[in-house]
Amino acid sequence: MRRSTHSTLRRLVGTSVVTLAVVIPAGVAAAADYPSGGNPPAVNANDTTAVKASTATKPASTLPFTGGDVAGLALIGVGAVLAGTVIVRRSKRPAGV
């Protein structure tokens, strides 16, 4: 195999590995357990019973969780930086080593 072909193949494999290392966790994160919505309750047009509204009973000091998984995203970032460092260092090695 020619040297340029070998180098191109190595870059392609390295890029594919890094891409999969980023895409697979992102797919898992997108498949989180979110409510599906389900089916709405059936409504009977002849039903005349009234339904009382209820109030929330949670204490006011708690806030809903609206953030992302910061630790997971940080790990993906660190992994990408490490993979990039390895790829760059290997590409800068002398030909005889």
Protein backbone atom coordinates (compact mmCIF):
# COMPACT_ATOMS: atom_id res chain seq x y z
CA MET A 1 0.00 0.00 0.00
CA ARG A 2 1.35 3.45 -0.85
CA ARG A 3 2.26 5.79 1.97
CA SER A 4 -0.38 8.41 1.10
CA THR A 5 -3.10 5.76 0.83
CA HIS A 6 -2.11 4.33 4.21
CA SER A 7 -2.17 7.78 5.80
CA THR A 8 -5.57 8.55 4.29
CA LEU A 9 -6.94 5.24 5.53
CA ARG A 10 -5.65 5.92 9.05
CA ARG A 11 -7.25 9.36 9.06
CA LEU A 12 -10.53 7.95 7.83
CA VAL A 13 -10.58 5.28 10.53
CA GLY A 14 -9.61 7.80 13.22
CA THR A 15 -12.27 10.24 12.13
CA SER A 16 -14.87 7.47 12.06
CA VAL A 17 -13.99 6.36 15.58
CA VAL A 18 -14.22 9.90 16.96
CA THR A 19 -17.49 10.52 15.12
CA LEU A 20 -19.04 7.34 16.51
CA ALA A 21 -17.76 8.16 19.99
CA VAL A 22 -19.70 11.42 19.82
CA VAL A 23 -22.82 10.28 17.95
CA ILE A 24 -23.61 7.14 19.96
CA PRO A 25 -23.86 8.92 23.35
CA ALA A 26 -25.91 11.67 21.71
CA GLY A 27 -28.37 9.06 20.41
CA VAL A 28 -28.65 7.55 23.87
CA ALA A 29 -29.29 10.99 25.36
CA ALA A 30 -32.01 11.65 22.80
CA ALA A 31 -33.74 8.40 23.80
CA ALA A 32 -34.24 9.55 27.40
CA ASP A 33 -37.38 8.58 29.26
CA TYR A 34 -39.73 11.38 28.32
CA PRO A 35 -43.48 10.94 28.64
CA SER A 36 -45.08 9.80 25.43
CA GLY A 37 -48.18 11.88 25.89
CA GLY A 38 -50.43 8.82 25.75
CA ASN A 39 -54.06 8.95 24.77
CA PRO A 40 -56.29 11.76 26.02
CA PRO A 41 -59.12 10.73 28.33
CA ALA A 42 -62.43 9.92 26.72
CA VAL A 43 -65.06 12.63 27.18
CA ASN A 44 -68.73 11.81 27.44
CA ALA A 45 -70.89 14.65 26.04
CA ASN A 46 -73.79 13.76 28.38
CA ASP A 47 -71.69 13.85 31.55
CA THR A 48 -72.67 16.85 33.71
CA THR A 49 -70.51 16.21 36.77
CA ALA A 50 -68.19 19.04 37.75
CA VAL A 51 -64.52 18.50 38.42
CA LYS A 52 -62.80 20.63 41.03
CA ALA A 53 -59.40 22.04 40.26
CA SER A 54 -56.59 20.97 42.55
CA THR A 55 -53.57 22.98 43.61
CA ALA A 56 -49.96 21.86 43.69
CA THR A 57 -48.78 20.56 47.05
CA LYS A 58 -45.04 20.81 46.44
CA PRO A 59 -43.11 23.25 48.61
CA ALA A 60 -42.25 26.53 46.91
CA SER A 61 -38.51 26.08 47.53
CA THR A 62 -38.04 23.38 44.89
CA LEU A 63 -37.51 24.29 41.26
CA PRO A 64 -38.11 22.04 38.29
CA PHE A 65 -35.05 20.51 36.63
CA THR A 66 -34.51 22.26 33.32
CA GLY A 67 -30.80 21.70 32.69
CA GLY A 68 -28.87 19.14 30.71
CA ASP A 69 -26.47 16.43 31.74
CA VAL A 70 -23.43 18.64 32.22
CA ALA A 71 -21.15 15.83 33.41
CA GLY A 72 -21.91 13.70 30.35
CA LEU A 73 -21.35 16.57 27.97
CA ALA A 74 -18.08 17.44 29.71
CA LEU A 75 -16.88 13.84 29.35
CA ILE A 76 -17.72 13.87 25.64
CA GLY A 77 -15.76 17.11 25.27
CA VAL A 78 -12.73 15.76 27.14
CA GLY A 79 -12.82 12.58 25.04
CA ALA A 80 -12.93 14.60 21.83
CA VAL A 81 -9.98 16.75 22.94
CA LEU A 82 -7.95 13.67 23.89
CA ALA A 83 -8.75 11.92 20.61
CA GLY A 84 -7.78 15.04 18.67
CA THR A 85 -4.51 15.32 20.59
CA VAL A 86 -3.63 11.71 19.84
CA ILE A 87 -4.44 12.11 16.15
CA VAL A 88 -2.36 15.29 15.83
CA ARG A 89 0.62 13.87 17.72
CA ARG A 90 0.65 10.71 15.63
CA SER A 91 0.47 12.67 12.41
CA LYS A 92 3.52 14.78 13.42
CA ARG A 93 5.85 11.84 14.15
CA PRO A 94 8.93 11.43 11.95
CA ALA A 95 8.66 8.75 9.26
CA GLY A 96 11.37 6.54 10.80
CA VAL A 97 9.77 6.19 14.26
